[in-house]
C-alpha atoms as a PDB file:
ATOM      1  CA  UNK A   1      74.391  62.841  48.702  1.00  0.00           C
ATOM      2  CA  UNK A   2      74.414  59.055  48.884  1.00  0.00           C
ATOM      3  CA  UNK A   3      72.209  57.020  46.586  1.00  0.00           C
ATOM      4  CA  UNK A   4      71.634  53.283  46.815  1.00  0.00           C
ATOM      5  CA  UNK A   5      69.561  50.794  44.892  1.00  0.00           C
ATOM      6  CA  UNK A   6      66.693  49.057  46.683  1.00  0.00           C
ATOM      7  CA  UNK A   7      65.627  45.465  46.076  1.00  0.00           C
ATOM      8  CA  UNK A   8      62.562  43.651  47.398  1.00  0.00           C
ATOM      9  CA  UNK A   9      62.347  39.904  46.776  1.00  0.00           C
ATOM     10  CA  UNK A  10      59.159  37.923  47.460  1.00  0.00           C
ATOM     11  CA  UNK A  11      58.247  40.124  50.432  1.00  0.00           C
ATOM     12  CA  UNK A  12      55.134  39.031  52.317  1.00  0.00           C
ATOM     13  CA  UNK A  13      53.381  40.516  55.330  1.00  0.00           C
ATOM     14  CA  UNK A  14      50.455  39.068  57.255  1.00  0.00           C
ATOM     15  CA  UNK A  15      49.254  40.461  60.564  1.00  0.00           C
ATOM     16  CA  UNK A  16      46.926  37.567  61.398  1.00  0.00           C
ATOM     17  CA  UNK A  17      48.397  34.619  59.490  1.00  0.00           C
ATOM     18  CA  UNK A  18      45.395  34.553  57.142  1.00  0.00           C
ATOM     19  CA  UNK A  19      45.198  37.761  55.137  1.00  0.00           C
ATOM     20  CA  UNK A  20      48.140  39.189  53.209  1.00  0.00           C
ATOM     21  CA  UNK A  21      48.783  42.925  53.640  1.00  0.00           C
ATOM     22  CA  UNK A  22      51.716  42.535  51.241  1.00  0.00           C
ATOM     23  CA  UNK A  23      51.629  39.542  48.904  1.00  0.00           C
ATOM     24  CA  UNK A  24      54.848  38.400  47.186  1.00  0.00           C
ATOM     25  CA  UNK A  25      56.090  41.924  46.488  1.00  0.00           C
ATOM     26  CA  UNK A  26      59.217  41.998  44.292  1.00  0.00           C
ATOM     27  CA  UNK A  27      60.711  45.223  42.967  1.00  0.00           C
ATOM     28  CA  UNK A  28      64.072  46.640  41.832  1.00  0.00           C
ATOM     29  CA  UNK A  29      64.655  50.379  42.304  1.00  0.00           C
ATOM     30  CA  UNK A  30      67.798  51.868  40.779  1.00  0.00           C
ATOM     31  CA  UNK A  31      70.106  54.210  42.690  1.00  0.00           C
ATOM     32  CA  UNK A  32      68.888  57.794  42.255  1.00  0.00           C
ATOM     33  CA  UNK A  33      65.458  56.785  40.947  1.00  0.00           C
ATOM     34  CA  UNK A  34      62.152  58.363  42.042  1.00  0.00           C
ATOM     35  CA  UNK A  35      59.556  55.592  42.370  1.00  0.00           C
ATOM     36  CA  UNK A  36      55.987  56.083  43.573  1.00  0.00           C
ATOM     37  CA  UNK A  37      53.870  53.399  45.243  1.00  0.00           C
ATOM     38  CA  UNK A  38      50.350  54.155  43.999  1.00  0.00           C
ATOM     39  CA  UNK A  39      47.109  52.467  44.954  1.00  0.00           C
ATOM     40  CA  UNK A  40      43.849  52.755  46.901  1.00  0.00           C
ATOM     41  CA  UNK A  41      43.611  52.513  50.676  1.00  0.00           C
ATOM     42  CA  UNK A  42      44.433  49.021  51.908  1.00  0.00           C
ATOM     43  CA  UNK A  43      46.369  48.074  48.766  1.00  0.00           C
ATOM     44  CA  UNK A  44      49.644  47.351  50.597  1.00  0.00           C
ATOM     45  CA  UNK A  45      51.694  50.359  49.544  1.00  0.00           C
ATOM     46  CA  UNK A  46      52.167  51.856  53.038  1.00  0.00           C
ATOM     47  CA  UNK A  47      52.775  48.438  54.597  1.00  0.00           C
ATOM     48  CA  UNK A  48      55.548  47.877  52.054  1.00  0.00           C
ATOM     49  CA  UNK A  49      57.047  51.299  52.795  1.00  0.00           C
ATOM     50  CA  UNK A  50      56.965  50.601  56.550  1.00  0.00           C
ATOM     51  CA  UNK A  51      58.812  47.315  55.984  1.00  0.00           C
ATOM     52  CA  UNK A  52      61.512  49.153  54.019  1.00  0.00           C
ATOM     53  CA  UNK A  53      61.789  51.689  56.849  1.00  0.00           C
ATOM     54  CA  UNK A  54      61.945  48.964  59.504  1.00  0.00           C
ATOM     55  CA  UNK A  55      58.769  49.898  61.382  1.00  0.00           C
ATOM     56  CA  UNK A  56      57.192  46.616  60.233  1.00  0.00           C
ATOM     57  CA  UNK A  57      58.989  43.311  59.669  1.00  0.00           C
ATOM     58  CA  UNK A  58      58.263  41.009  56.707  1.00  0.00           C
ATOM     59  CA  UNK A  59      56.626  37.675  57.395  1.00  0.00           C
ATOM     60  CA  UNK A  60      58.982  36.364  54.704  1.00  0.00           C
ATOM     61  CA  UNK A  61      61.141  37.656  51.887  1.00  0.00           C
ATOM     62  CA  UNK A  62      64.215  39.872  51.642  1.00  0.00           C
ATOM     63  CA  UNK A  63      64.872  43.623  51.426  1.00  0.00           C
ATOM     64  CA  UNK A  64      68.302  44.859  50.308  1.00  0.00           C
ATOM     65  CA  UNK A  65      69.685  48.404  50.248  1.00  0.00           C
ATOM     66  CA  UNK A  66      72.588  48.323  47.853  1.00  0.00           C
ATOM     67  CA  UNK A  67      74.456  45.116  48.662  1.00  0.00           C
ATOM     68  CA  UNK A  68      73.280  45.043  52.288  1.00  0.00           C
ATOM     69  CA  UNK A  69      70.316  43.009  53.582  1.00  0.00           C
ATOM     70  CA  UNK A  70      68.318  45.287  55.892  1.00  0.00           C
ATOM     71  CA  UNK A  71      65.081  43.399  56.597  1.00  0.00           C
ATOM     72  CA  UNK A  72      66.324  42.263  60.030  1.00  0.00           C
ATOM     73  CA  UNK A  73      67.977  45.563  61.025  1.00  0.00           C
ATOM     74  CA  UNK A  74      66.276  48.075  63.385  1.00  0.00           C
ATOM     75  CA  UNK A  75      65.216  51.368  61.724  1.00  0.00           C
ATOM     76  CA  UNK A  76      68.094  53.443  63.124  1.00  0.00           C
ATOM     77  CA  UNK A  77      70.691  51.148  61.536  1.00  0.00           C
ATOM     78  CA  UNK A  78      69.277  51.307  58.001  1.00  0.00           C
ATOM     79  CA  UNK A  79      70.454  54.856  57.116  1.00  0.00           C
ATOM     80  CA  UNK A  80      67.041  55.721  55.683  1.00  0.00           C
ATOM     81  CA  UNK A  81      65.420  59.168  55.774  1.00  0.00           C
ATOM     82  CA  UNK A  82      61.671  59.327  56.424  1.00  0.00           C
ATOM     83  CA  UNK A  83      59.169  62.097  55.681  1.00  0.00           C
ATOM     84  CA  UNK A  84      55.679  61.721  57.177  1.00  0.00           C
ATOM     85  CA  UNK A  85      52.369  63.331  56.210  1.00  0.00           C
ATOM     86  CA  UNK A  86      52.002  65.087  59.578  1.00  0.00           C
ATOM     87  CA  UNK A  87      55.564  66.564  59.493  1.00  0.00           C
ATOM     88  CA  UNK A  88      56.372  65.164  63.009  1.00  0.00           C
ATOM     89  CA  UNK A  89      58.293  68.313  64.014  1.00  0.00           C
ATOM     90  CA  UNK A  90      59.073  69.160  67.652  1.00  0.00           C
ATOM     91  CA  UNK A  91      56.929  72.262  68.352  1.00  0.00           C
ATOM     92  CA  UNK A  92      59.213  73.662  71.089  1.00  0.00           C
ATOM     93  CA  UNK A  93      62.436  73.371  69.056  1.00  0.00           C
ATOM     94  CA  UNK A  94      63.804  75.874  66.555  1.00  0.00           C
ATOM     95  CA  UNK A  95      63.851  74.902  62.908  1.00  0.00           C
ATOM     96  CA  UNK A  96      67.631  74.455  63.066  1.00  0.00           C
ATOM     97  CA  UNK A  97      67.313  72.125  66.065  1.00  0.00           C
ATOM     98  CA  UNK A  98      64.526  70.127  64.411  1.00  0.00           C
ATOM     99  CA  UNK A  99      66.661  69.566  61.338  1.00  0.00           C
ATOM    100  CA  UNK A 100      69.759  68.759  63.404  1.00  0.00           C
ATOM    101  CA  UNK A 101      67.942  66.244  65.627  1.00  0.00           C
ATOM    102  CA  UNK A 102      69.091  63.133  63.660  1.00  0.00           C
ATOM    103  CA  UNK A 103      72.692  64.385  63.934  1.00  0.00           C
ATOM    104  CA  UNK A 104      72.271  64.954  67.658  1.00  0.00           C
ATOM    105  CA  UNK A 105      71.107  61.346  68.056  1.00  0.00           C
ATOM    106  CA  UNK A 106      74.221  60.226  66.147  1.00  0.00           C
ATOM    107  CA  UNK A 107      76.527  62.186  68.437  1.00  0.00           C
ATOM    108  CA  UNK A 108      77.740  64.708  65.840  1.00  0.00           C
ATOM    109  CA  UNK A 109      79.641  67.582  67.443  1.00  0.00           C
ATOM    110  CA  UNK A 110      77.974  71.003  67.706  1.00  0.00           C
ATOM    111  CA  UNK A 111      79.781  73.016  65.000  1.00  0.00           C
ATOM    112  CA  UNK A 112      79.396  70.240  62.423  1.00  0.00           C
ATOM    113  CA  UNK A 113      75.764  69.768  63.410  1.00  0.00           C
ATOM    114  CA  UNK A 114      74.988  73.477  62.890  1.00  0.00           C
ATOM    115  CA  UNK A 115      76.805  73.571  59.547  1.00  0.00           C
ATOM    116  CA  UNK A 116      74.981  70.559  58.144  1.00  0.00           C
ATOM    117  CA  UNK A 117      71.636  71.849  59.437  1.00  0.00           C
ATOM    118  CA  UNK A 118      72.148  75.161  57.582  1.00  0.00           C
ATOM    119  CA  UNK A 119      73.150  73.332  54.402  1.00  0.00           C
ATOM    120  CA  UNK A 120      70.099  71.061  54.540  1.00  0.00           C
ATOM    121  CA  UNK A 121      67.769  74.043  54.988  1.00  0.00           C
ATOM    122  CA  UNK A 122      69.439  75.796  52.051  1.00  0.00           C
ATOM    123  CA  UNK A 123      68.795  72.723  49.862  1.00  0.00           C
ATOM    124  CA  UNK A 124      65.044  73.086  50.483  1.00  0.00           C
ATOM    125  CA  UNK A 125      65.047  76.888  50.109  1.00  0.00           C
ATOM    126  CA  UNK A 126      64.686  77.765  53.816  1.00  0.00           C
ATOM    127  CA  UNK A 127      67.963  79.479  54.560  1.00  0.00           C
ATOM    128  CA  UNK A 128      67.413  82.217  57.179  1.00  0.00           C
ATOM    129  CA  UNK A 129      64.623  80.267  58.927  1.00  0.00           C
ATOM    130  CA  UNK A 130      66.937  78.589  61.459  1.00  0.00           C
ATOM    131  CA  UNK A 131      65.722  80.477  64.550  1.00  0.00           C
ATOM    132  CA  UNK A 132      61.992  80.199  63.931  1.00  0.00           C
ATOM    133  CA  UNK A 133      59.727  77.543  65.446  1.00  0.00           C
ATOM    134  CA  UNK A 134      57.301  75.308  63.483  1.00  0.00           C
ATOM    135  CA  UNK A 135      54.172  77.308  64.401  1.00  0.00           C
ATOM    136  CA  UNK A 136      55.656  80.349  62.627  1.00  0.00           C
ATOM    137  CA  UNK A 137      55.844  78.483  59.301  1.00  0.00           C
ATOM    138  CA  UNK A 138      53.227  77.592  56.709  1.00  0.00           C
ATOM    139  CA  UNK A 139      52.282  73.979  56.030  1.00  0.00           C
ATOM    140  CA  UNK A 140      54.460  73.868  52.930  1.00  0.00           C
ATOM    141  CA  UNK A 141      57.430  75.324  54.809  1.00  0.00           C
ATOM    142  CA  UNK A 142      56.985  72.788  57.618  1.00  0.00           C
ATOM    143  CA  UNK A 143      56.998  70.004  55.047  1.00  0.00           C
ATOM    144  CA  UNK A 144      60.278  71.362  53.670  1.00  0.00           C
ATOM    145  CA  UNK A 145      61.729  71.320  57.191  1.00  0.00           C
ATOM    146  CA  UNK A 146      60.720  67.652  57.497  1.00  0.00           C
ATOM    147  CA  UNK A 147      62.444  66.973  54.172  1.00  0.00           C
ATOM    148  CA  UNK A 148      65.586  68.845  55.300  1.00  0.00           C
ATOM    149  CA  UNK A 149      65.647  66.707  58.457  1.00  0.00           C
ATOM    150  CA  UNK A 150      65.479  63.572  56.289  1.00  0.00           C
ATOM    151  CA  UNK A 151      68.364  64.859  54.132  1.00  0.00           C
ATOM    152  CA  UNK A 152      70.691  66.159  56.843  1.00  0.00           C
ATOM    153  CA  UNK A 153      72.411  62.868  57.727  1.00  0.00           C
ATOM    154  CA  UNK A 154      72.946  61.914  54.053  1.00  0.00           C
ATOM    155  CA  UNK A 155      70.729  58.814  53.929  1.00  0.00           C
ATOM    156  CA  UNK A 156      71.035  56.106  51.297  1.00  0.00           C
ATOM    157  CA  UNK A 157      67.348  56.494  50.429  1.00  0.00           C
ATOM    158  CA  UNK A 158      64.434  58.754  51.381  1.00  0.00           C
ATOM    159  CA  UNK A 159      60.935  57.374  52.006  1.00  0.00           C
ATOM    160  CA  UNK A 160      57.955  59.742  51.792  1.00  0.00           C
ATOM    161  CA  UNK A 161      54.589  58.621  53.189  1.00  0.00           C
ATOM    162  CA  UNK A 162      51.863  60.769  51.548  1.00  0.00           C
ATOM    163  CA  UNK A 163      53.798  63.921  52.543  1.00  0.00           C
ATOM    164  CA  UNK A 164      51.558  66.362  50.656  1.00  0.00           C
ATOM    165  CA  UNK A 165      48.194  64.982  51.748  1.00  0.00           C
ATOM    166  CA  UNK A 166      47.547  67.728  54.320  1.00  0.00           C
ATOM    167  CA  UNK A 167      48.260  70.620  51.918  1.00  0.00           C
ATOM    168  CA  UNK A 168      45.743  72.533  49.796  1.00  0.00           C
ATOM    169  CA  UNK A 169      45.712  72.026  46.018  1.00  0.00           C
ATOM    170  CA  UNK A 170      47.854  75.015  45.027  1.00  0.00           C
ATOM    171  CA  UNK A 171      50.476  74.343  47.694  1.00  0.00           C
ATOM    172  CA  UNK A 172      50.476  70.638  46.888  1.00  0.00           C
ATOM    173  CA  UNK A 173      51.224  71.354  43.221  1.00  0.00           C
ATOM    174  CA  UNK A 174      54.003  73.765  44.217  1.00  0.00           C
ATOM    175  CA  UNK A 175      55.567  71.144  46.501  1.00  0.00           C
ATOM    176  CA  UNK A 176      55.414  68.540  43.731  1.00  0.00           C
ATOM    177  CA  UNK A 177      57.625  70.799  41.616  1.00  0.00           C
ATOM    178  CA  UNK A 178      59.941  71.453  44.591  1.00  0.00           C
ATOM    179  CA  UNK A 179      60.324  67.749  45.391  1.00  0.00           C
ATOM    180  CA  UNK A 180      61.232  66.975  41.779  1.00  0.00           C
ATOM    181  CA  UNK A 181      63.786  69.808  41.787  1.00  0.00           C
ATOM    182  CA  UNK A 182      65.366  68.560  45.005  1.00  0.00           C
ATOM    183  CA  UNK A 183      65.456  65.013  43.676  1.00  0.00           C
ATOM    184  CA  UNK A 184      67.064  66.166  40.428  1.00  0.00           C
ATOM    185  CA  UNK A 185      69.632  68.363  42.194  1.00  0.00           C
ATOM    186  CA  UNK A 186      70.651  65.807  44.829  1.00  0.00           C
ATOM    187  CA  UNK A 187      70.267  62.557  42.909  1.00  0.00           C
ATOM    188  CA  UNK A 188      69.065  60.695  46.023  1.00  0.00           C
ATOM    189  CA  UNK A 189      66.866  57.586  45.729  1.00  0.00           C
ATOM    190  CA  UNK A 190      63.274  58.406  46.688  1.00  0.00           C
ATOM    191  CA  UNK A 191      60.283  56.132  47.304  1.00  0.00           C
ATOM    192  CA  UNK A 192      56.999  58.011  47.515  1.00  0.00           C
ATOM    193  CA  UNK A 193      53.660  56.599  48.727  1.00  0.00           C
ATOM    194  CA  UNK A 194      50.474  58.217  47.440  1.00  0.00           C
ATOM    195  CA  UNK A 195      46.892  57.445  46.444  1.00  0.00           C
ATOM    196  CA  UNK A 196      46.886  60.581  44.241  1.00  0.00           C
ATOM    197  CA  UNK A 197      47.329  59.702  40.567  1.00  0.00           C
ATOM    198  CA  UNK A 198      48.422  63.198  39.533  1.00  0.00           C
ATOM    199  CA  UNK A 199      51.215  63.228  42.142  1.00  0.00           C
ATOM    200  CA  UNK A 200      52.539  59.891  40.927  1.00  0.00           C
ATOM    201  CA  UNK A 201      52.255  60.839  37.248  1.00  0.00           C
ATOM    202  CA  UNK A 202      53.853  64.255  37.769  1.00  0.00           C
ATOM    203  CA  UNK A 203      56.884  63.301  39.843  1.00  0.00           C
ATOM    204  CA  UNK A 204      57.837  59.681  39.222  1.00  0.00           C
ATOM    205  CA  UNK A 205      60.479  58.079  37.071  1.00  0.00           C
ATOM    206  CA  UNK A 206      58.454  54.901  37.527  1.00  0.00           C
ATOM    207  CA  UNK A 207      55.224  53.933  39.295  1.00  0.00           C
ATOM    208  CA  UNK A 208      54.426  50.682  41.107  1.00  0.00           C
ATOM    209  CA  UNK A 209      50.642  50.214  41.131  1.00  0.00           C
ATOM    210  CA  UNK A 210      49.423  48.248  44.173  1.00  0.00           C
ATOM    211  CA  UNK A 211      46.142  46.379  44.527  1.00  0.00           C
ATOM    212  CA  UNK A 212      45.100  43.963  47.296  1.00  0.00           C
ATOM    213  CA  UNK A 213      48.666  43.582  48.555  1.00  0.00           C
ATOM    214  CA  UNK A 214      50.223  42.902  45.150  1.00  0.00           C
ATOM    215  CA  UNK A 215      52.052  44.997  42.582  1.00  0.00           C
ATOM    216  CA  UNK A 216      49.909  44.863  39.446  1.00  0.00           C
ATOM    217  CA  UNK A 217      52.322  46.785  37.209  1.00  0.00           C
ATOM    218  CA  UNK A 218      55.588  48.729  37.348  1.00  0.00           C
ATOM    219  CA  UNK A 219      56.383  51.208  34.603  1.00  0.00           C
ATOM    220  CA  UNK A 220      56.980  54.791  33.554  1.00  0.00           C
ATOM    221  CA  UNK A 221      54.003  57.172  33.810  1.00  0.00           C
ATOM    222  CA  UNK A 222      53.450  56.837  30.051  1.00  0.00           C
ATOM    223  CA  UNK A 223      53.557  53.021  30.215  1.00  0.00           C
ATOM    224  CA  UNK A 224      51.122  52.941  33.118  1.00  0.00           C
ATOM    225  CA  UNK A 225      48.716  55.375  31.440  1.00  0.00           C
ATOM    226  CA  UNK A 226      48.830  54.324  27.797  1.00  0.00           C
ATOM    227  CA  UNK A 227      49.710  50.617  28.115  1.00  0.00           C
ATOM    228  CA  UNK A 228      48.175  49.217  31.333  1.00  0.00           C
ATOM    229  CA  UNK A 229      48.631  45.474  31.738  1.00  0.00           C
ATOM    230  CA  UNK A 230      45.486  44.794  33.783  1.00  0.00           C
ATOM    231  CA  UNK A 231      41.924  46.056  33.943  1.00  0.00           C
ATOM    232  CA  UNK A 232      42.555  47.412  37.445  1.00  0.00           C
ATOM    233  CA  UNK A 233      45.463  49.582  36.294  1.00  0.00           C
ATOM    234  CA  UNK A 234      43.480  50.768  33.274  1.00  0.00           C
ATOM    235  CA  UNK A 235      40.513  51.810  35.400  1.00  0.00           C
ATOM    236  CA  UNK A 236      42.435  53.157  38.426  1.00  0.00           C
ATOM    237  CA  UNK A 237      44.748  55.460  36.467  1.00  0.00           C
ATOM    238  CA  UNK A 238      42.934  58.303  34.763  1.00  0.00           C
ATOM    239  CA  UNK A 239      39.552  58.109  33.041  1.00  0.00           C
ATOM    240  CA  UNK A 240      38.823  55.164  30.801  1.00  0.00           C
ATOM    241  CA  UNK A 241      36.447  53.445  28.420  1.00  0.00           C
ATOM    242  CA  UNK A 242      36.862  49.662  28.573  1.00  0.00           C
ATOM    243  CA  UNK A 243      35.196  47.612  25.851  1.00  0.00           C
ATOM    244  CA  UNK A 244      34.575  43.864  26.030  1.00  0.00           C
ATOM    245  CA  UNK A 245      35.997  42.395  22.834  1.00  0.00           C
ATOM    246  CA  UNK A 246      36.357  39.181  20.834  1.00  0.00           C
ATOM    247  CA  UNK A 247      39.285  38.792  18.432  1.00  0.00           C
ATOM    248  CA  UNK A 248      38.644  38.542  14.698  1.00  0.00           C
ATOM    249  CA  UNK A 249      42.380  38.185  14.017  1.00  0.00           C
ATOM    250  CA  UNK A 250      44.805  40.680  12.451  1.00  0.00           C
ATOM    251  CA  UNK A 251      44.301  43.187  15.268  1.00  0.00           C
ATOM    252  CA  UNK A 252      40.559  43.515  14.686  1.00  0.00           C
ATOM    253  CA  UNK A 253      38.019  43.012  17.481  1.00  0.00           C
ATOM    254  CA  UNK A 254      34.252  42.688  17.670  1.00  0.00           C
ATOM    255  CA  UNK A 255      32.926  45.023  20.397  1.00  0.00           C
ATOM    256  CA  UNK A 256      29.599  46.557  21.497  1.00  0.00           C
ATOM    257  CA  UNK A 257      30.428  49.561  19.283  1.00  0.00           C
ATOM    258  CA  UNK A 258      31.170  47.410  16.230  1.00  0.00           C
ATOM    259  CA  UNK A 259      34.446  46.169  14.769  1.00  0.00           C
ATOM    260  CA  UNK A 260      37.435  48.054  16.199  1.00  0.00           C
ATOM    261  CA  UNK A 261      40.824  48.039  14.506  1.00  0.00           C
ATOM    262  CA  UNK A 262      43.935  48.163  16.670  1.00  0.00           C
ATOM    263  CA  UNK A 263      47.661  48.182  15.959  1.00  0.00           C
ATOM    264  CA  UNK A 264      48.116  45.152  18.210  1.00  0.00           C
ATOM    265  CA  UNK A 265      48.807  41.675  16.931  1.00  0.00           C
ATOM    266  CA  UNK A 266      45.464  39.913  17.019  1.00  0.00           C
ATOM    267  CA  UNK A 267      44.909  37.039  19.409  1.00  0.00           C
ATOM    268  CA  UNK A 268      43.452  33.688  18.430  1.00  0.00           C
ATOM    269  CA  UNK A 269      40.176  34.111  16.616  1.00  0.00           C
ATOM    270  CA  UNK A 270      37.255  34.401  19.080  1.00  0.00           C
ATOM    271  CA  UNK A 271      39.629  34.830  22.046  1.00  0.00           C
ATOM    272  CA  UNK A 272      38.321  37.309  24.586  1.00  0.00           C
ATOM    273  CA  UNK A 273      40.025  40.615  25.407  1.00  0.00           C
ATOM    274  CA  UNK A 274      39.320  44.079  26.738  1.00  0.00           C
ATOM    275  CA  UNK A 275      40.105  47.266  24.845  1.00  0.00           C
ATOM    276  CA  UNK A 276      41.053  50.562  26.485  1.00  0.00           C
ATOM    277  CA  UNK A 277      40.107  53.835  24.825  1.00  0.00           C
ATOM    278  CA  UNK A 278      40.975  56.936  26.843  1.00  0.00           C
ATOM    279  CA  UNK A 279      38.287  59.679  26.678  1.00  0.00           C
ATOM    280  CA  UNK A 280      40.733  62.232  25.236  1.00  0.00           C
ATOM    281  CA  UNK A 281      41.500  59.862  22.339  1.00  0.00           C
ATOM    282  CA  UNK A 282      37.932  60.147  21.057  1.00  0.00           C
ATOM    283  CA  UNK A 283      37.493  63.107  18.710  1.00  0.00           C
ATOM    284  CA  UNK A 284      34.581  65.007  17.288  1.00  0.00           C
ATOM    285  CA  UNK A 285      34.010  64.159  13.634  1.00  0.00           C
ATOM    286  CA  UNK A 286      32.092  65.367  10.619  1.00  0.00           C
ATOM    287  CA  UNK A 287      28.946  63.286  10.162  1.00  0.00           C
ATOM    288  CA  UNK A 288      29.997  62.673   6.563  1.00  0.00           C
ATOM    289  CA  UNK A 289      33.122  60.812   7.704  1.00  0.00           C
ATOM    290  CA  UNK A 290      32.461  57.105   6.947  1.00  0.00           C
ATOM    291  CA  UNK A 291      34.555  56.026   9.978  1.00  0.00           C
ATOM    292  CA  UNK A 292      32.562  58.041  12.512  1.00  0.00           C
ATOM    293  CA  UNK A 293      29.714  56.938  14.783  1.00  0.00           C
ATOM    294  CA  UNK A 294      26.783  58.784  16.295  1.00  0.00           C
ATOM    295  CA  UNK A 295      27.072  59.322  20.054  1.00  0.00           C
ATOM    296  CA  UNK A 296      24.013  60.131  22.145  1.00  0.00           C
ATOM    297  CA  UNK A 297      24.874  62.798  24.735  1.00  0.00           C
ATOM    298  CA  UNK A 298      23.409  62.219  28.204  1.00  0.00           C
ATOM    299  CA  UNK A 299      25.293  64.924  30.146  1.00  0.00           C
ATOM    300  CA  UNK A 300      28.353  67.155  30.061  1.00  0.00           C
ATOM    301  CA  UNK A 301      30.732  68.546  32.688  1.00  0.00           C
ATOM    302  CA  UNK A 302      32.555  71.772  31.822  1.00  0.00           C
ATOM    303  CA  UNK A 303      36.100  72.055  33.220  1.00  0.00           C
ATOM    304  CA  UNK A 304      36.890  75.212  31.279  1.00  0.00           C
ATOM    305  CA  UNK A 305      39.884  73.906  29.352  1.00  0.00           C
ATOM    306  CA  UNK A 306      37.950  70.751  28.401  1.00  0.00           C
ATOM    307  CA  UNK A 307      34.421  69.363  28.334  1.00  0.00           C
ATOM    308  CA  UNK A 308      33.677  65.851  29.622  1.00  0.00           C
ATOM    309  CA  UNK A 309      30.908  64.382  27.487  1.00  0.00           C
ATOM    310  CA  UNK A 310      29.059  61.374  28.937  1.00  0.00           C
ATOM    311  CA  UNK A 311      26.845  59.370  26.657  1.00  0.00           C
ATOM    312  CA  UNK A 312      26.394  56.185  24.650  1.00  0.00           C
ATOM    313  CA  UNK A 313      27.474  54.573  21.416  1.00  0.00           C
ATOM    314  CA  UNK A 314      24.595  52.184  20.934  1.00  0.00           C
ATOM    315  CA  UNK A 315      24.282  50.454  24.339  1.00  0.00           C
ATOM    316  CA  UNK A 316      27.910  51.122  25.322  1.00  0.00           C
ATOM    317  CA  UNK A 317      28.493  53.867  27.898  1.00  0.00           C
ATOM    318  CA  UNK A 318      31.208  56.226  26.631  1.00  0.00           C
ATOM    319  CA  UNK A 319      33.090  59.185  28.096  1.00  0.00           C
ATOM    320  CA  UNK A 320      34.820  61.689  25.809  1.00  0.00           C
ATOM    321  CA  UNK A 321      36.957  64.744  26.601  1.00  0.00           C
ATOM    322  CA  UNK A 322      36.644  67.600  24.146  1.00  0.00           C
ATOM    323  CA  UNK A 323      39.181  70.479  24.221  1.00  0.00           C
ATOM    324  CA  UNK A 324      37.636  73.727  25.410  1.00  0.00           C
ATOM    325  CA  UNK A 325      38.170  75.372  22.033  1.00  0.00           C
ATOM    326  CA  UNK A 326      35.917  72.736  20.388  1.00  0.00           C
ATOM    327  CA  UNK A 327      33.381  72.441  23.211  1.00  0.00           C
ATOM    328  CA  UNK A 328      31.202  75.243  21.841  1.00  0.00           C
ATOM    329  CA  UNK A 329      30.296  72.998  18.920  1.00  0.00           C
ATOM    330  CA  UNK A 330      28.276  70.912  21.383  1.00  0.00           C
ATOM    331  CA  UNK A 331      26.231  73.721  22.959  1.00  0.00           C
ATOM    332  CA  UNK A 332      22.717  72.345  23.368  1.00  0.00           C
ATOM    333  CA  UNK A 333      23.473  69.229  21.308  1.00  0.00           C
ATOM    334  CA  UNK A 334      21.870  65.885  22.155  1.00  0.00           C
ATOM    335  CA  UNK A 335      24.026  63.957  19.691  1.00  0.00           C
ATOM    336  CA  UNK A 336      27.431  64.244  18.047  1.00  0.00           C
ATOM    337  CA  UNK A 337      29.629  62.208  15.724  1.00  0.00           C
ATOM    338  CA  UNK A 338      32.883  60.768  16.985  1.00  0.00           C
ATOM    339  CA  UNK A 339      35.907  58.839  15.741  1.00  0.00           C
ATOM    340  CA  UNK A 340      39.305  57.636  16.951  1.00  0.00           C
ATOM    341  CA  UNK A 341      42.547  56.271  15.539  1.00  0.00           C
ATOM    342  CA  UNK A 342      43.365  52.571  15.669  1.00  0.00           C
ATOM    343  CA  UNK A 343      46.762  53.312  17.257  1.00  0.00           C
ATOM    344  CA  UNK A 344      44.969  54.940  20.211  1.00  0.00           C
ATOM    345  CA  UNK A 345      43.187  51.715  21.164  1.00  0.00           C
ATOM    346  CA  UNK A 346      45.114  49.568  23.664  1.00  0.00           C
ATOM    347  CA  UNK A 347      44.502  45.848  24.097  1.00  0.00           C
ATOM    348  CA  UNK A 348      44.727  45.037  27.806  1.00  0.00           C
ATOM    349  CA  UNK A 349      46.932  41.960  28.198  1.00  0.00           C
END
């Protein structure tokens, strides 16, 4: 399977000359990498994907696939595979013919077309399904057929536009595992658009977080989750407690919950910052612990394996996740004592 790097340089897109759907998007994707475009609706992620595919053209900027500039090429000359959310299968064609359709459009002879169609279906675990039609397959199987069709002509890169959005939770999780397996086995470059945080965190080598047409941060799932660079990334990814803070120097900050130590180098004294404390980083503590604080409990949500505790430290709203095994300690409680480690507090740059 081919694999090419993808480069976007200062890519802009405006539909009306006033508002930017994509605003100075620059990104380097390595050959064989799995990168997710993550963001809310209207953030520019799908517009950027459509420009890579060739269905939209940049207002300005450059897109390169390997060493080749592709931003002025029509879609069929880019050698890009595309997987859509709605599968886009031909209902009257067999599965084999659906998968072979890109080869048919390229004039591949019949025997070669049939061989490559069978091989592509085997790669997605659907060998033996060649003679069926789409209506005889489940949603997950149809999505695999769409993926096989994107693989069959050995593209340089595969683009996936929210391909699991129409599936139920269990099937969606199963397909996440399958997509990662296929990516690992084939080594093809994949760009995946989603608004689902868990999909991006589960499958990606790196995530590009979009907001209002711009990329706010690019990083590994751990970097995005534990070291967000902006307030938007910190609040969009996962659950968060964000504390307004003023630097006291030496990594110490004055906050609404008192002085908080961090492992970060302190900014200039009195400089303003925001601190991120993930709910799972807050732990129940013994009231005798001098480092702990009393938290007033307003409500709880039981997820079985963990308990989300919503309350206040002084006037500061706080959310805490308690492992299920410890949740029983809070049965009927209106207050608890909590603590956290300084290394678990992140200073948002």
